Amino acid sequence: MAEMDTSGGGGHKKGPGVKKGKKLSTRVDLTPMVDLGFLLITFFIFTTTMSQPTAMKLFLPKDTEKQDELNKVKESGALSIMLGRGDGVYYYEGQLAPDGSNFKSSNFKDIRDVIINKKKSTNPEDFVVVIKPGPEATYKNTVDILDEMTINDVKRYAMVDIFQTEIDLMHATEASGGIK
């Protein structure tokens, strides 16, 4: 609020009966402006969206030099899933047969059924999914398969490096048009 200072200042008069003109000084009070500034700052802080990065929690085992301390998995409860070029998904149950007869191809729609069927037919303590992204797998497909683990409530899964024989089988399946 602006105020006018109408107080009479000292000085002398020019003559008897002559009124002296008062000096008017303006003084601006900035307190309301500071209040308005704080109100605007508060308003913008509350109305902006606080963006928080979303990340997946991965529990990784500790590195060890002793081979006996590594996590061991029963063959009957293992399901290995490989991610290939495009949206190609490949899998096999247990250990890979030497001739590759149990190596199968799938896609992201059908892999959920494979995981559910394996989970139902396996003891929950023995069930584990081994995820192996291939060299041509995309980051999106890797995150999608990790989402499938969450959707299907798979408690034990691991992401490991893919073997060269599995890469060769993936390329052979892709060349023969085996992707559904």
C-alpha atoms as a PDB file:
ATOM      1  CA  MET A   1       0.000   0.000   0.000  1.00  0.00           C
ATOM      2  CA  ALA A   2       1.393   3.404  -0.904  1.00  0.00           C
ATOM      3  CA  GLU A   3       1.357   6.110   1.740  1.00  0.00           C
ATOM      4  CA  MET A   4       1.640   9.799   1.479  1.00  0.00           C
ATOM      5  CA  ASP A   5       3.773  11.545   4.091  1.00  0.00           C
ATOM      6  CA  THR A   6       1.885  14.668   5.061  1.00  0.00           C
ATOM      7  CA  SER A   7       3.869  15.537   8.131  1.00  0.00           C
ATOM      8  CA  GLY A   8       5.100  19.057   8.273  1.00  0.00           C
ATOM      9  CA  GLY A   9       8.790  19.462   8.005  1.00  0.00           C
ATOM     10  CA  GLY A  10      10.837  22.112   9.755  1.00  0.00           C
ATOM     11  CA  GLY A  11      11.872  25.301   8.063  1.00  0.00           C
ATOM     12  CA  HIS A  12      11.019  28.952   8.151  1.00  0.00           C
ATOM     13  CA  LYS A  13       8.078  30.895   6.913  1.00  0.00           C
ATOM     14  CA  LYS A  14       8.360  33.570   4.307  1.00  0.00           C
ATOM     15  CA  GLY A  15       6.045  35.870   5.968  1.00  0.00           C
ATOM     16  CA  PRO A  16       3.242  36.288   8.454  1.00  0.00           C
ATOM     17  CA  GLY A  17       0.086  34.587   7.427  1.00  0.00           C
ATOM     18  CA  VAL A  18       1.625  32.837   4.466  1.00  0.00           C
ATOM     19  CA  LYS A  19       1.183  29.143   4.572  1.00  0.00           C
ATOM     20  CA  LYS A  20       4.100  27.083   3.564  1.00  0.00           C
ATOM     21  CA  GLY A  21       3.586  24.351   0.986  1.00  0.00           C
ATOM     22  CA  LYS A  22       4.055  20.938   2.465  1.00  0.00           C
ATOM     23  CA  LYS A  23       6.596  18.610   0.901  1.00  0.00           C
ATOM     24  CA  LEU A  24       4.943  15.395  -0.119  1.00  0.00           C
ATOM     25  CA  SER A  25       7.129  12.288  -0.154  1.00  0.00           C
ATOM     26  CA  THR A  26       6.033   8.892  -1.420  1.00  0.00           C
ATOM     27  CA  ARG A  27       7.056   5.779   0.421  1.00  0.00           C
ATOM     28  CA  VAL A  28       6.145   2.363  -1.095  1.00  0.00           C
ATOM     29  CA  ASP A  29       5.579  -0.512   1.316  1.00  0.00           C
ATOM     30  CA  LEU A  30       6.836  -3.747  -0.341  1.00  0.00           C
ATOM     31  CA  THR A  31       5.575  -6.167   2.311  1.00  0.00           C
ATOM     32  CA  PRO A  32       2.491  -7.216   0.282  1.00  0.00           C
ATOM     33  CA  MET A  33       4.733  -7.797  -2.758  1.00  0.00           C
ATOM     34  CA  VAL A  34       6.919 -10.191  -0.748  1.00  0.00           C
ATOM     35  CA  ASP A  35       3.797 -12.007   0.477  1.00  0.00           C
ATOM     36  CA  LEU A  36       2.584 -12.314  -3.111  1.00  0.00           C
ATOM     37  CA  GLY A  37       5.961 -13.718  -4.164  1.00  0.00           C
ATOM     38  CA  PHE A  38       5.860 -16.403  -1.501  1.00  0.00           C
ATOM     39  CA  LEU A  39       2.280 -17.274  -2.424  1.00  0.00           C
ATOM     40  CA  LEU A  40       3.284 -17.715  -6.077  1.00  0.00           C
ATOM     41  CA  ILE A  41       6.289 -19.859  -5.154  1.00  0.00           C
ATOM     42  CA  THR A  42       4.088 -22.033  -2.933  1.00  0.00           C
ATOM     43  CA  PHE A  43       1.460 -22.332  -5.675  1.00  0.00           C
ATOM     44  CA  PHE A  44       3.975 -23.445  -8.323  1.00  0.00           C
ATOM     45  CA  ILE A  45       5.633 -25.934  -5.999  1.00  0.00           C
ATOM     46  CA  PHE A  46       2.315 -27.607  -5.184  1.00  0.00           C
ATOM     47  CA  THR A  47       1.021 -27.642  -8.757  1.00  0.00           C
ATOM     48  CA  THR A  48       4.104 -29.078 -10.470  1.00  0.00           C
ATOM     49  CA  THR A  49       4.284 -32.818 -10.799  1.00  0.00           C
ATOM     50  CA  MET A  50       7.081 -34.345  -8.868  1.00  0.00           C
ATOM     51  CA  SER A  51       8.570 -36.859 -11.279  1.00  0.00           C
ATOM     52  CA  GLN A  52      10.254 -39.812  -9.672  1.00  0.00           C
ATOM     53  CA  PRO A  53      12.191 -42.323 -11.718  1.00  0.00           C
ATOM     54  CA  THR A  54      10.667 -45.758 -11.662  1.00  0.00           C
ATOM     55  CA  ALA A  55      13.033 -48.675 -11.506  1.00  0.00           C
ATOM     56  CA  MET A  56      12.710 -52.386 -11.046  1.00  0.00           C
ATOM     57  CA  LYS A  57      14.143 -53.976  -7.947  1.00  0.00           C
ATOM     58  CA  LEU A  58      16.484 -56.796  -8.800  1.00  0.00           C
ATOM     59  CA  PHE A  59      17.920 -58.973  -6.084  1.00  0.00           C
ATOM     60  CA  LEU A  60      21.269 -60.214  -7.278  1.00  0.00           C
ATOM     61  CA  PRO A  61      23.325 -62.906  -5.586  1.00  0.00           C
ATOM     62  CA  LYS A  62      26.699 -62.019  -4.166  1.00  0.00           C
ATOM     63  CA  ASP A  63      29.763 -62.833  -6.235  1.00  0.00           C
ATOM     64  CA  THR A  64      31.760 -65.743  -4.933  1.00  0.00           C
ATOM     65  CA  GLU A  65      34.949 -67.441  -5.996  1.00  0.00           C
ATOM     66  CA  LYS A  66      33.954 -70.879  -4.700  1.00  0.00           C
ATOM     67  CA  GLN A  67      31.957 -72.951  -7.152  1.00  0.00           C
ATOM     68  CA  ASP A  68      30.245 -74.869  -4.322  1.00  0.00           C
ATOM     69  CA  GLU A  69      28.544 -71.711  -3.035  1.00  0.00           C
ATOM     70  CA  LEU A  70      26.814 -70.890  -6.324  1.00  0.00           C
ATOM     71  CA  ASN A  71      23.036 -71.221  -6.543  1.00  0.00           C
ATOM     72  CA  LYS A  72      22.080 -74.701  -7.653  1.00  0.00           C
ATOM     73  CA  VAL A  73      18.879 -75.487  -9.533  1.00  0.00           C
ATOM     74  CA  LYS A  74      17.099 -78.798 -10.098  1.00  0.00           C
ATOM     75  CA  GLU A  75      16.897 -79.648 -13.775  1.00  0.00           C
ATOM     76  CA  SER A  76      13.258 -80.690 -13.561  1.00  0.00           C
ATOM     77  CA  GLY A  77      12.204 -77.272 -12.237  1.00  0.00           C
ATOM     78  CA  ALA A  78      14.180 -75.087 -14.632  1.00  0.00           C
ATOM     79  CA  LEU A  79      12.664 -73.183 -17.523  1.00  0.00           C
ATOM     80  CA  SER A  80      15.179 -71.383 -19.737  1.00  0.00           C
ATOM     81  CA  ILE A  81      13.894 -68.481 -21.828  1.00  0.00           C
ATOM     82  CA  MET A  82      16.041 -66.914 -24.566  1.00  0.00           C
ATOM     83  CA  LEU A  83      15.251 -63.577 -26.210  1.00  0.00           C
ATOM     84  CA  GLY A  84      16.159 -63.233 -29.875  1.00  0.00           C
ATOM     85  CA  ARG A  85      15.796 -60.864 -32.790  1.00  0.00           C
ATOM     86  CA  GLY A  86      12.555 -58.922 -33.081  1.00  0.00           C
ATOM     87  CA  ASP A  87      10.045 -60.327 -30.636  1.00  0.00           C
ATOM     88  CA  GLY A  88      11.351 -63.876 -30.881  1.00  0.00           C
ATOM     89  CA  VAL A  89      11.215 -65.884 -27.668  1.00  0.00           C
ATOM     90  CA  TYR A  90      12.748 -69.337 -27.347  1.00  0.00           C
ATOM     91  CA  TYR A  91      12.586 -71.748 -24.442  1.00  0.00           C
ATOM     92  CA  TYR A  92      13.342 -75.210 -23.212  1.00  0.00           C
ATOM     93  CA  GLU A  93      12.614 -77.072 -20.003  1.00  0.00           C
ATOM     94  CA  GLY A  94      15.326 -78.681 -17.934  1.00  0.00           C
ATOM     95  CA  GLN A  95      18.656 -79.131 -19.683  1.00  0.00           C
ATOM     96  CA  LEU A  96      19.078 -78.523 -23.402  1.00  0.00           C
ATOM     97  CA  ALA A  97      19.143 -81.797 -25.319  1.00  0.00           C
ATOM     98  CA  PRO A  98      22.337 -82.373 -27.355  1.00  0.00           C
ATOM     99  CA  ASP A  99      20.322 -82.550 -30.578  1.00  0.00           C
ATOM    100  CA  GLY A 100      18.188 -79.522 -29.622  1.00  0.00           C
ATOM    101  CA  SER A 101      14.947 -81.502 -29.750  1.00  0.00           C
ATOM    102  CA  ASN A 102      13.456 -79.729 -26.712  1.00  0.00           C
ATOM    103  CA  PHE A 103      14.319 -76.233 -28.053  1.00  0.00           C
ATOM    104  CA  LYS A 104      11.041 -74.468 -28.904  1.00  0.00           C
ATOM    105  CA  SER A 105      10.093 -71.068 -30.280  1.00  0.00           C
ATOM    106  CA  SER A 106       7.296 -68.832 -29.078  1.00  0.00           C
ATOM    107  CA  ASN A 107       6.245 -65.208 -28.845  1.00  0.00           C
ATOM    108  CA  PHE A 108       5.383 -62.874 -25.989  1.00  0.00           C
ATOM    109  CA  LYS A 109       1.675 -63.770 -26.129  1.00  0.00           C
ATOM    110  CA  ASP A 110       2.229 -67.502 -25.727  1.00  0.00           C
ATOM    111  CA  ILE A 111       5.184 -67.450 -23.326  1.00  0.00           C
ATOM    112  CA  ARG A 112       2.846 -66.570 -20.458  1.00  0.00           C
ATOM    113  CA  ASP A 113       0.991 -69.878 -20.949  1.00  0.00           C
ATOM    114  CA  VAL A 114       4.305 -71.760 -21.002  1.00  0.00           C
ATOM    115  CA  ILE A 115       5.362 -70.138 -17.715  1.00  0.00           C
ATOM    116  CA  ILE A 116       1.987 -70.824 -16.069  1.00  0.00           C
ATOM    117  CA  ASN A 117       1.950 -74.488 -17.180  1.00  0.00           C
ATOM    118  CA  LYS A 118       5.505 -75.066 -15.977  1.00  0.00           C
ATOM    119  CA  LYS A 119       4.729 -73.362 -12.668  1.00  0.00           C
ATOM    120  CA  LYS A 120       1.662 -75.562 -12.125  1.00  0.00           C
ATOM    121  CA  SER A 121       3.488 -78.791 -12.943  1.00  0.00           C
ATOM    122  CA  THR A 122       6.548 -78.070 -10.778  1.00  0.00           C
ATOM    123  CA  ASN A 123       7.125 -77.979  -7.046  1.00  0.00           C
ATOM    124  CA  PRO A 124       7.226 -74.266  -6.030  1.00  0.00           C
ATOM    125  CA  GLU A 125      10.552 -74.755  -4.229  1.00  0.00           C
ATOM    126  CA  ASP A 126      12.161 -76.195  -7.375  1.00  0.00           C
ATOM    127  CA  PHE A 127      10.677 -73.808  -9.967  1.00  0.00           C
ATOM    128  CA  VAL A 128      13.102 -71.272 -11.394  1.00  0.00           C
ATOM    129  CA  VAL A 129      13.150 -69.344 -14.669  1.00  0.00           C
ATOM    130  CA  VAL A 130      16.482 -68.613 -16.336  1.00  0.00           C
ATOM    131  CA  ILE A 131      16.321 -65.582 -18.648  1.00  0.00           C
ATOM    132  CA  LYS A 132      18.984 -65.313 -21.340  1.00  0.00           C
ATOM    133  CA  PRO A 133      18.863 -62.215 -23.552  1.00  0.00           C
ATOM    134  CA  GLY A 134      20.565 -62.857 -26.860  1.00  0.00           C
ATOM    135  CA  PRO A 135      22.940 -60.416 -28.554  1.00  0.00           C
ATOM    136  CA  GLU A 136      20.125 -59.127 -30.793  1.00  0.00           C
ATOM    137  CA  ALA A 137      17.516 -58.833 -28.015  1.00  0.00           C
ATOM    138  CA  THR A 138      16.161 -55.381 -27.321  1.00  0.00           C
ATOM    139  CA  TYR A 139      16.002 -53.663 -23.968  1.00  0.00           C
ATOM    140  CA  LYS A 140      12.197 -53.496 -24.320  1.00  0.00           C
ATOM    141  CA  ASN A 141      11.919 -57.273 -24.694  1.00  0.00           C
ATOM    142  CA  THR A 142      14.148 -57.817 -21.668  1.00  0.00           C
ATOM    143  CA  VAL A 143      11.956 -55.548 -19.549  1.00  0.00           C
ATOM    144  CA  ASP A 144       8.826 -57.241 -20.952  1.00  0.00           C
ATOM    145  CA  ILE A 145      10.025 -60.693 -19.893  1.00  0.00           C
ATOM    146  CA  LEU A 146      10.887 -59.329 -16.426  1.00  0.00           C
ATOM    147  CA  ASP A 147       7.336 -57.929 -16.298  1.00  0.00           C
ATOM    148  CA  GLU A 148       6.042 -61.412 -17.143  1.00  0.00           C
ATOM    149  CA  MET A 149       7.877 -62.726 -14.077  1.00  0.00           C
ATOM    150  CA  THR A 150       6.038 -60.166 -11.929  1.00  0.00           C
ATOM    151  CA  ILE A 151       2.676 -60.797 -13.602  1.00  0.00           C
ATOM    152  CA  ASN A 152       2.966 -64.582 -13.179  1.00  0.00           C
ATOM    153  CA  ASP A 153       4.241 -64.229  -9.605  1.00  0.00           C
ATOM    154  CA  VAL A 154       7.489 -66.059 -10.299  1.00  0.00           C
ATOM    155  CA  LYS A 155       9.547 -65.795  -7.127  1.00  0.00           C
ATOM    156  CA  ARG A 156      12.824 -67.247  -8.397  1.00  0.00           C
ATOM    157  CA  TYR A 157      14.299 -66.134 -11.687  1.00  0.00           C
ATOM    158  CA  ALA A 158      17.775 -65.272 -12.886  1.00  0.00           C
ATOM    159  CA  MET A 159      19.228 -63.374 -15.799  1.00  0.00           C
ATOM    160  CA  VAL A 160      22.395 -65.005 -17.135  1.00  0.00           C
ATOM    161  CA  ASP A 161      24.577 -64.945 -20.240  1.00  0.00           C
ATOM    162  CA  ILE A 162      23.461 -66.980 -23.203  1.00  0.00           C
ATOM    163  CA  PHE A 163      25.536 -69.921 -24.497  1.00  0.00           C
ATOM    164  CA  GLN A 164      26.855 -70.061 -28.070  1.00  0.00           C
ATOM    165  CA  THR A 165      24.929 -73.290 -28.788  1.00  0.00           C
ATOM    166  CA  GLU A 166      21.696 -71.523 -27.851  1.00  0.00           C
ATOM    167  CA  ILE A 167      22.551 -68.611 -30.148  1.00  0.00           C
ATOM    168  CA  ASP A 168      23.204 -71.076 -32.982  1.00  0.00           C
ATOM    169  CA  LEU A 169      19.862 -72.800 -32.349  1.00  0.00           C
ATOM    170  CA  MET A 170      18.090 -69.416 -32.349  1.00  0.00           C
ATOM    171  CA  HIS A 171      19.672 -68.455 -35.678  1.00  0.00           C
ATOM    172  CA  ALA A 172      18.814 -71.835 -37.185  1.00  0.00           C
ATOM    173  CA  THR A 173      15.201 -71.525 -36.010  1.00  0.00           C
ATOM    174  CA  GLU A 174      14.944 -67.975 -37.383  1.00  0.00           C
ATOM    175  CA  ALA A 175      16.397 -69.089 -40.724  1.00  0.00           C
ATOM    176  CA  SER A 176      13.866 -71.903 -41.020  1.00  0.00           C
ATOM    177  CA  GLY A 177      11.003 -69.530 -40.163  1.00  0.00           C
ATOM    178  CA  GLY A 178      10.254 -71.177 -36.836  1.00  0.00           C
ATOM    179  CA  ILE A 179       9.041 -68.023 -35.106  1.00  0.00           C
ATOM    180  CA  LYS A 180       5.303 -68.081 -34.522  1.00  0.00           C
END
